[in-house]
C-alpha atoms as a PDB file:
ATOM      1  CA  MET A   1     -15.077  -3.778 -12.016  1.00  0.00           C
ATOM      2  CA  THR A   2     -11.716  -5.275 -11.134  1.00  0.00           C
ATOM      3  CA  GLY A   3     -11.848  -7.663 -14.084  1.00  0.00           C
ATOM      4  CA  ARG A   4      -9.099  -9.581 -12.254  1.00  0.00           C
ATOM      5  CA  THR A   5     -10.189 -12.307  -9.907  1.00  0.00           C
ATOM      6  CA  ASN A   6      -8.831 -15.797  -9.309  1.00  0.00           C
ATOM      7  CA  ARG A   7      -8.757 -16.281  -5.517  1.00  0.00           C
ATOM      8  CA  GLU A   8     -10.994 -15.989  -2.537  1.00  0.00           C
ATOM      9  CA  TYR A   9     -11.127 -12.628  -0.806  1.00  0.00           C
ATOM     10  CA  VAL A  10      -8.553 -12.174   1.952  1.00  0.00           C
ATOM     11  CA  GLU A  11      -9.464  -9.951   4.906  1.00  0.00           C
ATOM     12  CA  ARG A  12      -7.519  -6.702   4.636  1.00  0.00           C
ATOM     13  CA  ASP A  13      -5.956  -6.831   8.088  1.00  0.00           C
ATOM     14  CA  TYR A  14      -2.892  -5.022   6.727  1.00  0.00           C
ATOM     15  CA  ARG A  15      -5.013  -1.893   7.101  1.00  0.00           C
ATOM     16  CA  ASP A  16      -4.661  -2.225  10.865  1.00  0.00           C
ATOM     17  CA  ARG A  17      -1.046  -1.122  10.382  1.00  0.00           C
ATOM     18  CA  MET A  18      -1.924   1.797   8.125  1.00  0.00           C
ATOM     19  CA  GLY A  19      -1.790   5.075   9.973  1.00  0.00           C
ATOM     20  CA  ALA A  20      -0.155   8.467  10.381  1.00  0.00           C
ATOM     21  CA  ALA A  21      -0.236  10.500  13.587  1.00  0.00           C
ATOM     22  CA  ASP A  22      -0.858  13.743  11.687  1.00  0.00           C
ATOM     23  CA  LEU A  23      -3.763  12.436   9.587  1.00  0.00           C
ATOM     24  CA  THR A  24      -7.343  11.261  10.092  1.00  0.00           C
ATOM     25  CA  ALA A  25      -8.234   7.778   8.828  1.00  0.00           C
ATOM     26  CA  PHE A  26     -11.572   6.888   7.240  1.00  0.00           C
ATOM     27  CA  SER A  27     -12.972   4.292   4.844  1.00  0.00           C
ATOM     28  CA  VAL A  28     -15.017   4.660   1.676  1.00  0.00           C
ATOM     29  CA  LYS A  29     -16.670   1.878  -0.291  1.00  0.00           C
ATOM     30  CA  VAL A  30     -18.366   2.302  -3.664  1.00  0.00           C
ATOM     31  CA  GLN A  31     -19.339  -1.114  -5.031  1.00  0.00           C
ATOM     32  CA  GLN A  32     -16.064  -3.065  -5.427  1.00  0.00           C
ATOM     33  CA  THR A  33     -13.920   0.017  -4.812  1.00  0.00           C
ATOM     34  CA  ASP A  34     -12.891  -0.345  -1.155  1.00  0.00           C
ATOM     35  CA  LEU A  35     -10.718   2.523   0.051  1.00  0.00           C
ATOM     36  CA  ARG A  36      -8.790   3.402   3.185  1.00  0.00           C
ATOM     37  CA  ILE A  37      -7.890   7.072   3.215  1.00  0.00           C
ATOM     38  CA  LEU A  38      -5.703   9.223   5.453  1.00  0.00           C
ATOM     39  CA  ALA A  39      -6.257  12.961   5.168  1.00  0.00           C
ATOM     40  CA  GLU A  40      -5.977  16.129   7.219  1.00  0.00           C
ATOM     41  CA  ARG A  41      -9.665  15.783   8.113  1.00  0.00           C
ATOM     42  CA  ASP A  42     -12.527  13.414   7.409  1.00  0.00           C
ATOM     43  CA  LEU A  43     -13.326  13.820   3.727  1.00  0.00           C
ATOM     44  CA  THR A  44     -15.685  10.881   3.324  1.00  0.00           C
ATOM     45  CA  GLU A  45     -18.224  12.835   1.291  1.00  0.00           C
ATOM     46  CA  GLU A  46     -15.635  14.267  -1.091  1.00  0.00           C
ATOM     47  CA  ALA A  47     -13.836  10.935  -1.513  1.00  0.00           C
ATOM     48  CA  THR A  48     -17.087   9.084  -2.160  1.00  0.00           C
ATOM     49  CA  ARG A  49     -18.030  11.571  -4.861  1.00  0.00           C
ATOM     50  CA  SER A  50     -14.610  11.251  -6.496  1.00  0.00           C
ATOM     51  CA  ALA A  51     -14.742   7.437  -6.400  1.00  0.00           C
ATOM     52  CA  ARG A  52     -18.201   7.402  -7.971  1.00  0.00           C
ATOM     53  CA  ILE A  53     -17.102   9.666 -10.811  1.00  0.00           C
ATOM     54  CA  ALA A  54     -13.986   7.589 -11.487  1.00  0.00           C
ATOM     55  CA  ARG A  55     -15.949   4.340 -11.458  1.00  0.00           C
ATOM     56  CA  ARG A  56     -18.678   5.722 -13.712  1.00  0.00           C
ATOM     57  CA  THR A  57     -16.065   6.883 -16.202  1.00  0.00           C
ATOM     58  CA  VAL A  58     -14.427   3.456 -16.397  1.00  0.00           C
ATOM     59  CA  GLU A  59     -17.741   1.575 -16.440  1.00  0.00           C
ATOM     60  CA  ALA A  60     -19.098   3.764 -19.254  1.00  0.00           C
ATOM     61  CA  TRP A  61     -15.947   3.162 -21.291  1.00  0.00           C
ATOM     62  CA  ILE A  62     -16.183  -0.600 -20.804  1.00  0.00           C
ATOM     63  CA  GLU A  63     -19.809  -0.481 -21.936  1.00  0.00           C
ATOM     64  CA  SER A  64     -18.812   1.325 -25.126  1.00  0.00           C
ATOM     65  CA  ASP A  65     -15.668  -0.803 -25.664  1.00  0.00           C
ATOM     66  CA  PRO A  66     -15.966  -4.267 -24.044  1.00  0.00           C
ATOM     67  CA  ASP A  67     -12.450  -5.225 -25.171  1.00  0.00           C
ATOM     68  CA  PHE A  68     -11.079  -2.562 -22.829  1.00  0.00           C
ATOM     69  CA  GLY A  69     -12.596  -4.402 -19.885  1.00  0.00           C
ATOM     70  CA  ARG A  70     -11.585  -7.954 -20.772  1.00  0.00           C
ATOM     71  CA  SER A  71      -8.291  -7.693 -22.647  1.00  0.00           C
ATOM     72  CA  LEU A  72      -5.197  -9.174 -20.997  1.00  0.00           C
ATOM     73  CA  VAL A  73      -2.937  -7.456 -23.543  1.00  0.00           C
ATOM     74  CA  PRO A  74      -2.477  -3.751 -24.309  1.00  0.00           C
ATOM     75  CA  VAL A  75      -5.194  -1.934 -26.210  1.00  0.00           C
ATOM     76  CA  GLU A  76      -5.267   1.368 -28.055  1.00  0.00           C
ATOM     77  CA  CYS A  77      -7.570   4.162 -26.973  1.00  0.00           C
ATOM     78  CA  PRO A  78      -8.439   7.395 -28.771  1.00  0.00           C
ATOM     79  CA  THR A  79      -6.767  10.652 -27.834  1.00  0.00           C
ATOM     80  CA  ASP A  80     -10.121  12.141 -26.846  1.00  0.00           C
ATOM     81  CA  ALA A  81     -10.834   9.405 -24.275  1.00  0.00           C
ATOM     82  CA  PRO A  82     -11.231  10.520 -20.643  1.00  0.00           C
ATOM     83  CA  ARG A  83      -7.921  11.065 -18.870  1.00  0.00           C
ATOM     84  CA  ILE A  84      -8.206   8.035 -16.590  1.00  0.00           C
ATOM     85  CA  ILE A  85      -8.866   5.815 -19.615  1.00  0.00           C
ATOM     86  CA  ARG A  86      -5.854   7.200 -21.476  1.00  0.00           C
ATOM     87  CA  GLU A  87      -3.679   6.662 -18.390  1.00  0.00           C
ATOM     88  CA  MET A  88      -4.812   3.041 -18.086  1.00  0.00           C
ATOM     89  CA  CYS A  89      -4.188   2.370 -21.787  1.00  0.00           C
ATOM     90  CA  ALA A  90      -0.727   3.949 -21.652  1.00  0.00           C
ATOM     91  CA  ALA A  91       0.166   1.994 -18.524  1.00  0.00           C
ATOM     92  CA  GLY A  92      -0.949  -1.279 -20.072  1.00  0.00           C
ATOM     93  CA  GLN A  93       1.115  -0.581 -23.179  1.00  0.00           C
ATOM     94  CA  ALA A  94       4.217   0.243 -21.110  1.00  0.00           C
ATOM     95  CA  ALA A  95       3.882  -2.916 -19.009  1.00  0.00           C
ATOM     96  CA  GLY A  96       2.578  -5.278 -21.681  1.00  0.00           C
ATOM     97  CA  VAL A  97      -0.704  -6.014 -19.876  1.00  0.00           C
ATOM     98  CA  GLY A  98      -4.382  -5.194 -20.305  1.00  0.00           C
ATOM     99  CA  PRO A  99      -5.630  -1.756 -19.219  1.00  0.00           C
ATOM    100  CA  MET A 100      -7.741  -3.110 -16.350  1.00  0.00           C
ATOM    101  CA  ALA A 101      -4.513  -4.195 -14.640  1.00  0.00           C
ATOM    102  CA  ALA A 102      -4.097  -0.463 -13.972  1.00  0.00           C
ATOM    103  CA  VAL A 103      -7.570   0.360 -12.679  1.00  0.00           C
ATOM    104  CA  ALA A 104      -7.023   0.313  -8.901  1.00  0.00           C
ATOM    105  CA  GLY A 105      -3.876   2.414  -9.052  1.00  0.00           C
ATOM    106  CA  ALA A 106      -5.470   4.852 -11.470  1.00  0.00           C
ATOM    107  CA  ILE A 107      -8.510   5.325  -9.233  1.00  0.00           C
ATOM    108  CA  ALA A 108      -6.345   5.751  -6.117  1.00  0.00           C
ATOM    109  CA  GLU A 109      -4.399   8.534  -7.828  1.00  0.00           C
ATOM    110  CA  ARG A 110      -7.515  10.230  -9.145  1.00  0.00           C
ATOM    111  CA  ILE A 111      -9.096  10.351  -5.668  1.00  0.00           C
ATOM    112  CA  ALA A 112      -5.884  11.563  -4.009  1.00  0.00           C
ATOM    113  CA  ARG A 113      -5.556  14.379  -6.542  1.00  0.00           C
ATOM    114  CA  ASP A 114      -9.211  15.332  -6.105  1.00  0.00           C
ATOM    115  CA  LEU A 115      -8.722  15.576  -2.321  1.00  0.00           C
ATOM    116  CA  ALA A 116      -5.354  17.368  -2.417  1.00  0.00           C
ATOM    117  CA  PRO A 117      -6.793  20.912  -2.773  1.00  0.00           C
ATOM    118  CA  VAL A 118      -8.473  20.552   0.652  1.00  0.00           C
ATOM    119  CA  SER A 119      -5.897  18.146   2.149  1.00  0.00           C
ATOM    120  CA  PRO A 120      -2.372  18.594   0.740  1.00  0.00           C
ATOM    121  CA  ASN A 121      -1.245  15.607   2.807  1.00  0.00           C
ATOM    122  CA  VAL A 122      -3.329  12.635   1.696  1.00  0.00           C
ATOM    123  CA  ILE A 123      -2.862   8.883   1.306  1.00  0.00           C
ATOM    124  CA  VAL A 124      -5.341   6.737  -0.612  1.00  0.00           C
ATOM    125  CA  GLU A 125      -5.149   2.933  -0.439  1.00  0.00           C
ATOM    126  CA  ASN A 126      -7.239   0.916  -2.892  1.00  0.00           C
ATOM    127  CA  GLY A 127      -6.830  -2.837  -2.447  1.00  0.00           C
ATOM    128  CA  GLY A 128      -3.088  -2.713  -1.834  1.00  0.00           C
ATOM    129  CA  ASP A 129      -2.440   0.127  -4.284  1.00  0.00           C
ATOM    130  CA  VAL A 130      -1.461   3.363  -2.547  1.00  0.00           C
ATOM    131  CA  TYR A 131      -1.111   6.945  -3.724  1.00  0.00           C
ATOM    132  CA  ILE A 132       0.773   9.322  -1.426  1.00  0.00           C
ATOM    133  CA  MET A 133       0.847  13.129  -1.620  1.00  0.00           C
ATOM    134  CA  GLY A 134       2.257  15.658   0.808  1.00  0.00           C
ATOM    135  CA  ASP A 135       5.218  17.257   2.491  1.00  0.00           C
ATOM    136  CA  ARG A 136       6.012  14.620   5.145  1.00  0.00           C
ATOM    137  CA  GLU A 137       8.250  11.567   4.906  1.00  0.00           C
ATOM    138  CA  ARG A 138       6.241   8.335   4.961  1.00  0.00           C
ATOM    139  CA  THR A 139       7.091   4.644   5.154  1.00  0.00           C
ATOM    140  CA  ALA A 140       5.085   2.172   3.074  1.00  0.00           C
ATOM    141  CA  LEU A 141       5.030  -1.285   4.687  1.00  0.00           C
ATOM    142  CA  ILE A 142       5.031  -4.212   2.255  1.00  0.00           C
ATOM    143  CA  PHE A 143       2.271  -6.740   2.922  1.00  0.00           C
ATOM    144  CA  ALA A 144       3.174 -10.132   1.453  1.00  0.00           C
ATOM    145  CA  GLY A 145       0.569 -12.524   2.832  1.00  0.00           C
ATOM    146  CA  ALA A 146       1.996 -15.593   4.556  1.00  0.00           C
ATOM    147  CA  SER A 147       5.605 -14.731   3.663  1.00  0.00           C
ATOM    148  CA  PRO A 148       7.812 -14.309   6.753  1.00  0.00           C
ATOM    149  CA  LEU A 149       8.860 -10.994   5.210  1.00  0.00           C
ATOM    150  CA  SER A 150       5.304  -9.627   5.287  1.00  0.00           C
ATOM    151  CA  ASN A 151       5.145  -6.299   7.174  1.00  0.00           C
ATOM    152  CA  ARG A 152       8.870  -6.679   7.976  1.00  0.00           C
ATOM    153  CA  VAL A 153      10.102  -4.428   5.154  1.00  0.00           C
ATOM    154  CA  GLY A 154       9.162  -0.865   4.315  1.00  0.00           C
ATOM    155  CA  LEU A 155       9.877   1.632   1.565  1.00  0.00           C
ATOM    156  CA  VAL A 156      10.846   5.089   2.813  1.00  0.00           C
ATOM    157  CA  ILE A 157       9.057   7.785   0.797  1.00  0.00           C
ATOM    158  CA  PRO A 158      10.811  11.158   1.245  1.00  0.00           C
ATOM    159  CA  ALA A 159       8.698  14.280   0.906  1.00  0.00           C
ATOM    160  CA  ASP A 160      10.643  15.326  -2.186  1.00  0.00           C
ATOM    161  CA  ARG A 161       9.652  12.084  -3.988  1.00  0.00           C
ATOM    162  CA  GLN A 162       5.929  12.771  -3.583  1.00  0.00           C
ATOM    163  CA  PRO A 163       3.439  12.457  -5.135  1.00  0.00           C
ATOM    164  CA  ILE A 164       4.134   8.782  -5.609  1.00  0.00           C
ATOM    165  CA  SER A 165       2.249   5.544  -6.122  1.00  0.00           C
ATOM    166  CA  VAL A 166       3.223   2.281  -4.425  1.00  0.00           C
ATOM    167  CA  CYS A 167       1.266  -0.637  -5.900  1.00  0.00           C
ATOM    168  CA  THR A 168       1.336  -4.326  -5.017  1.00  0.00           C
ATOM    169  CA  SER A 169       0.331  -7.375  -7.027  1.00  0.00           C
ATOM    170  CA  SER A 170       0.168 -10.830  -5.451  1.00  0.00           C
ATOM    171  CA  GLY A 171      -0.349 -14.369  -6.671  1.00  0.00           C
ATOM    172  CA  THR A 172      -1.274 -15.538  -3.168  1.00  0.00           C
ATOM    173  CA  VAL A 173      -3.281 -12.709  -1.607  1.00  0.00           C
ATOM    174  CA  GLY A 174      -6.439 -10.906  -2.603  1.00  0.00           C
ATOM    175  CA  PRO A 175      -8.812 -10.943  -5.582  1.00  0.00           C
ATOM    176  CA  SER A 176      -6.557  -9.574  -8.325  1.00  0.00           C
ATOM    177  CA  LEU A 177      -5.715 -11.820 -11.247  1.00  0.00           C
ATOM    178  CA  SER A 178      -2.068 -12.873 -11.367  1.00  0.00           C
ATOM    179  CA  PHE A 179      -0.422 -15.543 -13.488  1.00  0.00           C
ATOM    180  CA  GLY A 180       2.478 -15.757 -11.047  1.00  0.00           C
ATOM    181  CA  LYS A 181       3.043 -16.967  -7.500  1.00  0.00           C
ATOM    182  CA  ALA A 182       4.757 -13.960  -5.938  1.00  0.00           C
ATOM    183  CA  ASP A 183       3.623 -13.087  -2.429  1.00  0.00           C
ATOM    184  CA  ALA A 184       4.230  -9.474  -3.411  1.00  0.00           C
ATOM    185  CA  ALA A 185       5.415  -7.589  -6.477  1.00  0.00           C
ATOM    186  CA  VAL A 186       5.734  -3.946  -5.478  1.00  0.00           C
ATOM    187  CA  ILE A 187       6.262  -1.005  -7.816  1.00  0.00           C
ATOM    188  CA  ALA A 188       6.808   2.663  -6.992  1.00  0.00           C
ATOM    189  CA  THR A 189       6.273   5.300  -9.686  1.00  0.00           C
ATOM    190  CA  GLU A 190       4.829   8.789  -9.896  1.00  0.00           C
ATOM    191  CA  ASN A 191       1.865   7.436 -11.887  1.00  0.00           C
ATOM    192  CA  GLY A 192      -0.768   5.256 -10.192  1.00  0.00           C
ATOM    193  CA  ALA A 193      -1.897   3.467 -13.335  1.00  0.00           C
ATOM    194  CA  LEU A 194       1.679   2.658 -14.334  1.00  0.00           C
ATOM    195  CA  ALA A 195       2.619   1.351 -10.875  1.00  0.00           C
ATOM    196  CA  ASP A 196      -0.405  -0.962 -10.852  1.00  0.00           C
ATOM    197  CA  ALA A 197       0.185  -2.271 -14.381  1.00  0.00           C
ATOM    198  CA  VAL A 198       3.900  -2.902 -13.840  1.00  0.00           C
ATOM    199  CA  ALA A 199       3.198  -4.650 -10.531  1.00  0.00           C
ATOM    200  CA  SER A 200       0.976  -7.066 -12.448  1.00  0.00           C
ATOM    201  CA  ALA A 201       3.608  -7.572 -15.148  1.00  0.00           C
ATOM    202  CA  VAL A 202       6.353  -8.283 -12.598  1.00  0.00           C
ATOM    203  CA  GLY A 203       4.164 -10.555 -10.490  1.00  0.00           C
ATOM    204  CA  ASN A 204       3.151 -12.559 -13.548  1.00  0.00           C
ATOM    205  CA  ARG A 205       6.780 -13.521 -14.099  1.00  0.00           C
ATOM    206  CA  VAL A 206       7.405 -15.037 -10.652  1.00  0.00           C
ATOM    207  CA  GLN A 207       6.729 -18.763 -10.325  1.00  0.00           C
ATOM    208  CA  THR A 208       9.642 -19.615  -8.011  1.00  0.00           C
ATOM    209  CA  ALA A 209      12.314 -17.764  -6.044  1.00  0.00           C
ATOM    210  CA  GLU A 210      14.683 -18.272  -8.969  1.00  0.00           C
ATOM    211  CA  ASP A 211      12.480 -15.949 -11.047  1.00  0.00           C
ATOM    212  CA  LEU A 212      12.694 -12.977  -8.687  1.00  0.00           C
ATOM    213  CA  GLU A 213      15.778 -11.218 -10.026  1.00  0.00           C
ATOM    214  CA  ALA A 214      14.748 -11.493 -13.675  1.00  0.00           C
ATOM    215  CA  ALA A 215      11.234 -10.292 -12.881  1.00  0.00           C
ATOM    216  CA  VAL A 216      12.573  -7.296 -10.958  1.00  0.00           C
ATOM    217  CA  GLU A 217      14.830  -6.462 -13.900  1.00  0.00           C
ATOM    218  CA  VAL A 218      11.796  -6.392 -16.186  1.00  0.00           C
ATOM    219  CA  GLY A 219      10.122  -3.825 -13.949  1.00  0.00           C
ATOM    220  CA  ALA A 220      13.291  -1.781 -13.583  1.00  0.00           C
ATOM    221  CA  ALA A 221      13.612  -1.475 -17.378  1.00  0.00           C
ATOM    222  CA  ILE A 222      10.236   0.240 -17.797  1.00  0.00           C
ATOM    223  CA  PRO A 223      10.576   4.043 -18.055  1.00  0.00           C
ATOM    224  CA  GLY A 224       9.166   5.883 -15.051  1.00  0.00           C
ATOM    225  CA  VAL A 225       9.652   3.076 -12.533  1.00  0.00           C
ATOM    226  CA  ILE A 226      11.389   4.310  -9.374  1.00  0.00           C
ATOM    227  CA  HIS A 227      11.582   1.135  -7.290  1.00  0.00           C
ATOM    228  CA  VAL A 228      10.789  -2.591  -7.622  1.00  0.00           C
ATOM    229  CA  VAL A 229      10.504  -5.235  -4.892  1.00  0.00           C
ATOM    230  CA  GLY A 230       9.657  -8.907  -5.436  1.00  0.00           C
ATOM    231  CA  ILE A 231       8.906 -11.343  -2.593  1.00  0.00           C
ATOM    232  CA  ILE A 232       8.164 -15.066  -2.598  1.00  0.00           C
ATOM    233  CA  ASP A 233       8.294 -17.110   0.599  1.00  0.00           C
ATOM    234  CA  ASP A 234      11.416 -15.941   2.487  1.00  0.00           C
ATOM    235  CA  ARG A 235      13.215 -14.546  -0.574  1.00  0.00           C
ATOM    236  CA  MET A 236      13.308 -10.961  -1.792  1.00  0.00           C
ATOM    237  CA  ALA A 237      14.873  -9.095  -4.713  1.00  0.00           C
ATOM    238  CA  ALA A 238      14.865  -5.320  -5.075  1.00  0.00           C
ATOM    239  CA  TRP A 239      16.052  -2.505  -7.304  1.00  0.00           C
ATOM    240  CA  GLY A 240      15.620   1.243  -7.176  1.00  0.00           C
ATOM    241  CA  GLU A 241      16.171   4.667  -5.727  1.00  0.00           C
ATOM    242  CA  LEU A 242      14.223   4.450  -2.463  1.00  0.00           C
ATOM    243  CA  GLU A 243      15.515   3.267   0.895  1.00  0.00           C
ATOM    244  CA  LEU A 244      14.355  -0.149   2.123  1.00  0.00           C
ATOM    245  CA  VAL A 245      14.109  -0.418   5.893  1.00  0.00           C
ATOM    246  CA  ARG A 246      13.433  -3.245   8.320  1.00  0.00           C
ATOM    247  CA  ALA A 247      10.060  -2.797   9.994  1.00  0.00           C
ATOM    248  CA  GLY A 248       8.728  -4.024  13.328  1.00  0.00           C
ATOM    249  CA  GLN A 249       7.013  -7.325  14.044  1.00  0.00           C
END
């Protein structure tokens, strides 16, 4: 259901670095939706149910409107569409991309919000797209494939900026479709669908290191965006309100 594939699958070894001492880690997989979740207790059953509902909603919409699933440009959706569909359409329109560019971030947010009543502190990672909720400061490491900056830089997420989504698009890592060559285009917003869509839009604009600053400016100009980071090879450009910190080896 990704609708966005142009590279071979890359093993998600970045998940080995994903952890929080106060939370329990577990994995959930529903077809192509492959999740790593941190919560106050093991909520595999609840997360699986939420993922299935979210996937069924998107799949049913694609069946009724095939253009929604294949369009690489924004599409309109009716006001009575399911919430996740409306969020994906709005995100695509804001970023200038198709709605499926927002699917992973939208699903991550939906699952996090479904789990929050039983686990106020929860982190849901869906293929590099993360949704964070809670009352503890967190640091989101930036995975950028073979770049020497990969896992060397983190975004500090204060408790008072949560809930927040941190989504990554890459032209060199993973199965998501990108028309650019960025090792990582990272967007932080309060909305999971928007973060995912803008990450795609920013990543699409990076062919060389000389494109980084202009691409970051595009992301920064979109209402609702809190932070933007672009990485290619050993070069990085960034804009935003969050603190960037140097991470360990």
